[in-house]
Amino acid sequence: MSIKTEITSLKDASYQGCISAERGQTIGQYIYNVCPMFLESVPEEVKAQIEEGQMLRFHENHPAQYYTMDYVPCSADTKGAFKVDINVVMSHSQQEFGRMKSEDPVKHGVHAKWRKDWSTYKSNRMTDLRKYVKAYKDLLEGKTTTRASTKDFEVWLKETVDTIKTRAKTAKGRGDTTVNDSVVNAIVKAIK
């Protein structure tokens, strides 16, 4: 069940964005209520359930592919074709997958792409979930982000010069030979 949405205008994009944000709030609230320590550490049973959900969606976006015995892509109705999908690929332990590299390098190559894509997807979706939970928790605690007032240009410039001097000193202390004192001094002198 794919939920890809066709956007027909900027107005529609804005509307769909609002729906997406509202879903994020609901998701954050649910996860926080079930696992209040989600942002600090995720218990294994919670992690397993979350990964199951992520894998369902990943499977929808990355349907099974079929291969011949020589790992040549083919259609599902090809005689002798076998299916490779995220469930098949992840059914192998990390050790089995590693051993596959020497025992069956072509199979390893096919599986490696799936595993890499899954790992990236899973990591990105977990980041999204953490963002939703953090936003909900901040809302609960009344936390808001306030933007600092814009500094006068002169104040900003002085702080920038101070930063240049400090970073040059730190870099020299680390043994960085690319620090050019005459350039640093010229910048400081030009701005004063």
C-alpha atoms as a PDB file:
ATOM      1  CA  MET A   1       0.000   0.000   0.000  1.00  0.00           C
ATOM      2  CA  SER A   2       1.863   3.026  -1.261  1.00  0.00           C
ATOM      3  CA  ILE A   3       0.854   6.437   0.020  1.00  0.00           C
ATOM      4  CA  LYS A   4       2.741   8.481  -2.534  1.00  0.00           C
ATOM      5  CA  THR A   5       0.847  11.651  -3.240  1.00  0.00           C
ATOM      6  CA  GLU A   6       0.800  13.591  -6.450  1.00  0.00           C
ATOM      7  CA  ILE A   7       1.275  17.290  -5.754  1.00  0.00           C
ATOM      8  CA  THR A   8      -0.690  19.436  -8.183  1.00  0.00           C
ATOM      9  CA  SER A   9       0.175  22.985  -7.081  1.00  0.00           C
ATOM     10  CA  LEU A  10       2.037  25.003  -4.478  1.00  0.00           C
ATOM     11  CA  LYS A  11      -1.220  25.335  -2.576  1.00  0.00           C
ATOM     12  CA  ASP A  12      -1.602  21.555  -2.632  1.00  0.00           C
ATOM     13  CA  ALA A  13       2.050  21.107  -1.571  1.00  0.00           C
ATOM     14  CA  SER A  14       1.426  23.411   1.374  1.00  0.00           C
ATOM     15  CA  TYR A  15      -1.743  21.543   2.312  1.00  0.00           C
ATOM     16  CA  GLN A  16       0.010  18.157   2.104  1.00  0.00           C
ATOM     17  CA  GLY A  17       2.870  19.569   4.189  1.00  0.00           C
ATOM     18  CA  CYS A  18       0.394  20.539   6.906  1.00  0.00           C
ATOM     19  CA  ILE A  19      -1.041  17.021   6.926  1.00  0.00           C
ATOM     20  CA  SER A  20       2.463  15.578   7.139  1.00  0.00           C
ATOM     21  CA  ALA A  21       3.389  17.836  10.063  1.00  0.00           C
ATOM     22  CA  GLU A  22       0.197  16.904  11.905  1.00  0.00           C
ATOM     23  CA  ARG A  23       0.942  13.207  11.389  1.00  0.00           C
ATOM     24  CA  GLY A  24       4.424  13.798  12.787  1.00  0.00           C
ATOM     25  CA  GLN A  25       2.922  15.363  15.914  1.00  0.00           C
ATOM     26  CA  THR A  26       0.575  12.410  16.390  1.00  0.00           C
ATOM     27  CA  ILE A  27       3.401   9.918  15.854  1.00  0.00           C
ATOM     28  CA  GLY A  28       5.646  11.755  18.314  1.00  0.00           C
ATOM     29  CA  GLN A  29       2.911  11.794  20.946  1.00  0.00           C
ATOM     30  CA  TYR A  30       2.177   8.087  20.543  1.00  0.00           C
ATOM     31  CA  ILE A  31       5.808   7.006  20.735  1.00  0.00           C
ATOM     32  CA  TYR A  32       6.475   9.267  23.720  1.00  0.00           C
ATOM     33  CA  ASN A  33       3.431   7.902  25.573  1.00  0.00           C
ATOM     34  CA  VAL A  34       4.513   4.309  24.917  1.00  0.00           C
ATOM     35  CA  CYS A  35       8.237   4.878  25.528  1.00  0.00           C
ATOM     36  CA  PRO A  36       8.992   8.106  27.434  1.00  0.00           C
ATOM     37  CA  MET A  37      12.746   7.402  27.369  1.00  0.00           C
ATOM     38  CA  PHE A  38      12.787   7.085  23.565  1.00  0.00           C
ATOM     39  CA  LEU A  39      15.184  10.012  23.139  1.00  0.00           C
ATOM     40  CA  GLU A  40      17.663   8.644  25.680  1.00  0.00           C
ATOM     41  CA  SER A  41      17.653   4.907  24.904  1.00  0.00           C
ATOM     42  CA  VAL A  42      15.311   2.658  22.995  1.00  0.00           C
ATOM     43  CA  PRO A  43      14.567  -0.712  24.636  1.00  0.00           C
ATOM     44  CA  GLU A  44      15.168  -3.708  22.369  1.00  0.00           C
ATOM     45  CA  GLU A  45      11.466  -4.683  22.218  1.00  0.00           C
ATOM     46  CA  VAL A  46      10.507  -1.137  21.146  1.00  0.00           C
ATOM     47  CA  LYS A  47      13.329  -1.025  18.612  1.00  0.00           C
ATOM     48  CA  ALA A  48      12.206  -4.376  17.172  1.00  0.00           C
ATOM     49  CA  GLN A  49       8.611  -3.158  16.704  1.00  0.00           C
ATOM     50  CA  ILE A  50       9.774   0.089  15.117  1.00  0.00           C
ATOM     51  CA  GLU A  51      12.070  -1.767  12.723  1.00  0.00           C
ATOM     52  CA  GLU A  52       9.221  -4.109  11.771  1.00  0.00           C
ATOM     53  CA  GLY A  53       7.130  -1.096  10.772  1.00  0.00           C
ATOM     54  CA  GLN A  54      10.019   0.480   8.902  1.00  0.00           C
ATOM     55  CA  MET A  55      10.668  -2.776   7.079  1.00  0.00           C
ATOM     56  CA  LEU A  56       7.020  -2.993   5.988  1.00  0.00           C
ATOM     57  CA  ARG A  57       7.253   0.455   4.416  1.00  0.00           C
ATOM     58  CA  PHE A  58      10.687  -0.215   2.933  1.00  0.00           C
ATOM     59  CA  HIS A  59       9.266  -3.366   1.332  1.00  0.00           C
ATOM     60  CA  GLU A  60       6.418  -1.351  -0.201  1.00  0.00           C
ATOM     61  CA  ASN A  61       8.912   1.092  -1.698  1.00  0.00           C
ATOM     62  CA  HIS A  62      11.387  -1.625  -2.719  1.00  0.00           C
ATOM     63  CA  PRO A  63       9.376  -4.608  -3.958  1.00  0.00           C
ATOM     64  CA  ALA A  64      10.927  -8.002  -4.558  1.00  0.00           C
ATOM     65  CA  GLN A  65      13.183  -8.513  -7.525  1.00  0.00           C
ATOM     66  CA  TYR A  66      13.586 -11.803  -9.328  1.00  0.00           C
ATOM     67  CA  TYR A  67      16.809 -13.386 -10.506  1.00  0.00           C
ATOM     68  CA  THR A  68      18.005 -16.422 -12.402  1.00  0.00           C
ATOM     69  CA  MET A  69      20.347 -18.845 -10.661  1.00  0.00           C
ATOM     70  CA  ASP A  70      23.241 -16.722 -12.042  1.00  0.00           C
ATOM     71  CA  TYR A  71      21.786 -13.592 -10.435  1.00  0.00           C
ATOM     72  CA  VAL A  72      20.683 -12.070 -13.702  1.00  0.00           C
ATOM     73  CA  PRO A  73      17.526  -9.962 -13.157  1.00  0.00           C
ATOM     74  CA  CYS A  74      14.444 -11.540 -14.698  1.00  0.00           C
ATOM     75  CA  SER A  75      10.675 -11.536 -14.440  1.00  0.00           C
ATOM     76  CA  ALA A  76       8.794 -13.422 -11.754  1.00  0.00           C
ATOM     77  CA  ASP A  77       7.461 -15.957 -14.269  1.00  0.00           C
ATOM     78  CA  THR A  78      10.898 -16.925 -15.603  1.00  0.00           C
ATOM     79  CA  LYS A  79      11.498 -20.649 -15.083  1.00  0.00           C
ATOM     80  CA  GLY A  80      13.728 -21.192 -12.057  1.00  0.00           C
ATOM     81  CA  ALA A  81      13.522 -17.545 -10.969  1.00  0.00           C
ATOM     82  CA  PHE A  82      13.864 -16.801  -7.300  1.00  0.00           C
ATOM     83  CA  LYS A  83      12.834 -13.801  -5.285  1.00  0.00           C
ATOM     84  CA  VAL A  84      15.112 -11.386  -3.446  1.00  0.00           C
ATOM     85  CA  ASP A  85      13.530  -8.840  -1.134  1.00  0.00           C
ATOM     86  CA  ILE A  86      14.407  -7.155   2.137  1.00  0.00           C
ATOM     87  CA  ASN A  87      13.076 -10.096   4.164  1.00  0.00           C
ATOM     88  CA  VAL A  88      15.265 -12.586   2.276  1.00  0.00           C
ATOM     89  CA  VAL A  89      18.320 -10.344   2.469  1.00  0.00           C
ATOM     90  CA  MET A  90      17.988  -9.592   6.176  1.00  0.00           C
ATOM     91  CA  SER A  91      17.287 -13.235   7.053  1.00  0.00           C
ATOM     92  CA  HIS A  92      21.067 -13.763   6.833  1.00  0.00           C
ATOM     93  CA  SER A  93      23.074 -12.874   9.937  1.00  0.00           C
ATOM     94  CA  GLN A  94      25.890 -10.354   9.623  1.00  0.00           C
ATOM     95  CA  GLN A  95      28.344 -13.261   9.841  1.00  0.00           C
ATOM     96  CA  GLU A  96      26.602 -15.208   7.066  1.00  0.00           C
ATOM     97  CA  PHE A  97      26.511 -12.100   4.928  1.00  0.00           C
ATOM     98  CA  GLY A  98      30.229 -11.531   5.451  1.00  0.00           C
ATOM     99  CA  ARG A  99      31.025 -15.147   4.573  1.00  0.00           C
ATOM    100  CA  MET A 100      28.947 -14.743   1.406  1.00  0.00           C
ATOM    101  CA  LYS A 101      31.534 -12.277   0.081  1.00  0.00           C
ATOM    102  CA  SER A 102      34.098 -15.037  -0.457  1.00  0.00           C
ATOM    103  CA  GLU A 103      31.721 -17.945  -1.064  1.00  0.00           C
ATOM    104  CA  ASP A 104      29.307 -16.263  -3.489  1.00  0.00           C
ATOM    105  CA  PRO A 105      30.506 -12.749  -4.415  1.00  0.00           C
ATOM    106  CA  VAL A 106      27.734 -12.109  -6.969  1.00  0.00           C
ATOM    107  CA  LYS A 107      25.032 -12.949  -4.434  1.00  0.00           C
ATOM    108  CA  HIS A 108      26.890 -10.830  -1.882  1.00  0.00           C
ATOM    109  CA  GLY A 109      26.857  -7.889  -4.320  1.00  0.00           C
ATOM    110  CA  VAL A 110      23.100  -8.158  -4.845  1.00  0.00           C
ATOM    111  CA  HIS A 111      22.440  -8.464  -1.121  1.00  0.00           C
ATOM    112  CA  ALA A 112      24.916  -5.684  -0.242  1.00  0.00           C
ATOM    113  CA  LYS A 113      22.899  -3.117  -2.211  1.00  0.00           C
ATOM    114  CA  TRP A 114      19.706  -4.108  -0.415  1.00  0.00           C
ATOM    115  CA  ARG A 115      21.412  -4.053   2.999  1.00  0.00           C
ATOM    116  CA  LYS A 116      22.971  -0.647   2.397  1.00  0.00           C
ATOM    117  CA  ASP A 117      19.685   0.850   1.192  1.00  0.00           C
ATOM    118  CA  TRP A 118      17.860  -0.663   4.180  1.00  0.00           C
ATOM    119  CA  SER A 119      20.422   0.620   6.653  1.00  0.00           C
ATOM    120  CA  THR A 120      20.216   4.154   5.241  1.00  0.00           C
ATOM    121  CA  TYR A 121      16.413   4.069   5.161  1.00  0.00           C
ATOM    122  CA  LYS A 122      16.155   2.724   8.714  1.00  0.00           C
ATOM    123  CA  SER A 123      18.588   5.323  10.047  1.00  0.00           C
ATOM    124  CA  ASN A 124      16.803   8.211   8.316  1.00  0.00           C
ATOM    125  CA  ARG A 125      13.379   7.094   9.524  1.00  0.00           C
ATOM    126  CA  MET A 126      14.664   6.705  13.098  1.00  0.00           C
ATOM    127  CA  THR A 127      15.989  10.272  12.880  1.00  0.00           C
ATOM    128  CA  ASP A 128      12.518  11.370  11.774  1.00  0.00           C
ATOM    129  CA  LEU A 129      10.894   9.567  14.703  1.00  0.00           C
ATOM    130  CA  ARG A 130      13.316  11.143  17.178  1.00  0.00           C
ATOM    131  CA  LYS A 131      12.501  14.553  15.722  1.00  0.00           C
ATOM    132  CA  TYR A 132       8.764  13.933  16.180  1.00  0.00           C
ATOM    133  CA  VAL A 133       9.209  12.741  19.769  1.00  0.00           C
ATOM    134  CA  LYS A 134      11.487  15.667  20.631  1.00  0.00           C
ATOM    135  CA  ALA A 135       8.984  18.146  19.206  1.00  0.00           C
ATOM    136  CA  TYR A 136       6.178  16.559  21.234  1.00  0.00           C
ATOM    137  CA  LYS A 137       8.275  16.465  24.412  1.00  0.00           C
ATOM    138  CA  ASP A 138       9.262  20.121  23.940  1.00  0.00           C
ATOM    139  CA  LEU A 139       5.591  21.003  23.498  1.00  0.00           C
ATOM    140  CA  LEU A 140       4.714  19.126  26.706  1.00  0.00           C
ATOM    141  CA  GLU A 141       7.460  20.906  28.639  1.00  0.00           C
ATOM    142  CA  GLY A 142       6.581  24.297  27.177  1.00  0.00           C
ATOM    143  CA  LYS A 143       9.975  24.657  25.504  1.00  0.00           C
ATOM    144  CA  THR A 144      10.132  27.076  22.641  1.00  0.00           C
ATOM    145  CA  THR A 145      12.999  28.170  20.505  1.00  0.00           C
ATOM    146  CA  THR A 146      13.680  31.859  20.544  1.00  0.00           C
ATOM    147  CA  ARG A 147      15.865  33.445  17.988  1.00  0.00           C
ATOM    148  CA  ALA A 148      18.597  35.696  19.289  1.00  0.00           C
ATOM    149  CA  SER A 149      18.334  39.278  18.227  1.00  0.00           C
ATOM    150  CA  THR A 150      20.505  40.310  15.329  1.00  0.00           C
ATOM    151  CA  LYS A 151      23.800  41.792  16.453  1.00  0.00           C
ATOM    152  CA  ASP A 152      25.015  45.160  15.253  1.00  0.00           C
ATOM    153  CA  PHE A 153      27.507  44.739  12.447  1.00  0.00           C
ATOM    154  CA  GLU A 154      30.313  46.212  14.545  1.00  0.00           C
ATOM    155  CA  VAL A 155      29.739  43.672  17.343  1.00  0.00           C
ATOM    156  CA  TRP A 156      29.609  40.800  14.843  1.00  0.00           C
ATOM    157  CA  LEU A 157      32.834  41.981  13.211  1.00  0.00           C
ATOM    158  CA  LYS A 158      34.686  42.218  16.544  1.00  0.00           C
ATOM    159  CA  GLU A 159      33.536  38.717  17.523  1.00  0.00           C
ATOM    160  CA  THR A 160      34.655  37.388  14.150  1.00  0.00           C
ATOM    161  CA  VAL A 161      38.119  38.911  14.576  1.00  0.00           C
ATOM    162  CA  ASP A 162      38.340  37.455  18.095  1.00  0.00           C
ATOM    163  CA  THR A 163      37.373  34.052  16.676  1.00  0.00           C
ATOM    164  CA  ILE A 164      40.059  34.305  13.975  1.00  0.00           C
ATOM    165  CA  LYS A 165      42.708  35.109  16.584  1.00  0.00           C
ATOM    166  CA  THR A 166      41.560  32.299  18.893  1.00  0.00           C
ATOM    167  CA  ARG A 167      41.410  29.701  16.116  1.00  0.00           C
ATOM    168  CA  ALA A 168      44.854  30.719  14.841  1.00  0.00           C
ATOM    169  CA  LYS A 169      46.293  30.313  18.342  1.00  0.00           C
ATOM    170  CA  THR A 170      44.591  26.914  18.794  1.00  0.00           C
ATOM    171  CA  ALA A 171      45.743  25.705  15.379  1.00  0.00           C
ATOM    172  CA  LYS A 172      49.328  26.723  16.111  1.00  0.00           C
ATOM    173  CA  GLY A 173      49.125  24.915  19.454  1.00  0.00           C
ATOM    174  CA  ARG A 174      48.107  21.736  17.573  1.00  0.00           C
ATOM    175  CA  GLY A 175      51.148  22.135  15.360  1.00  0.00           C
ATOM    176  CA  ASP A 176      49.256  23.357  12.293  1.00  0.00           C
ATOM    177  CA  THR A 177      51.943  24.862  10.072  1.00  0.00           C
ATOM    178  CA  THR A 178      49.435  26.534   7.737  1.00  0.00           C
ATOM    179  CA  VAL A 179      48.736  29.332  10.220  1.00  0.00           C
ATOM    180  CA  ASN A 180      50.212  32.521   8.781  1.00  0.00           C
ATOM    181  CA  ASP A 181      50.636  35.099  11.567  1.00  0.00           C
ATOM    182  CA  SER A 182      51.182  37.915   9.091  1.00  0.00           C
ATOM    183  CA  VAL A 183      47.825  37.212   7.413  1.00  0.00           C
ATOM    184  CA  VAL A 184      46.045  37.026  10.793  1.00  0.00           C
ATOM    185  CA  ASN A 185      47.699  40.271  11.936  1.00  0.00           C
ATOM    186  CA  ALA A 186      46.845  41.963   8.609  1.00  0.00           C
ATOM    187  CA  ILE A 187      43.171  41.004   9.015  1.00  0.00           C
ATOM    188  CA  VAL A 188      43.095  42.263  12.610  1.00  0.00           C
ATOM    189  CA  LYS A 189      44.840  45.506  11.609  1.00  0.00           C
ATOM    190  CA  ALA A 190      42.561  46.069   8.597  1.00  0.00           C
ATOM    191  CA  ILE A 191      39.402  45.667  10.662  1.00  0.00           C
ATOM    192  CA  LYS A 192      40.475  47.797  13.624  1.00  0.00           C
END
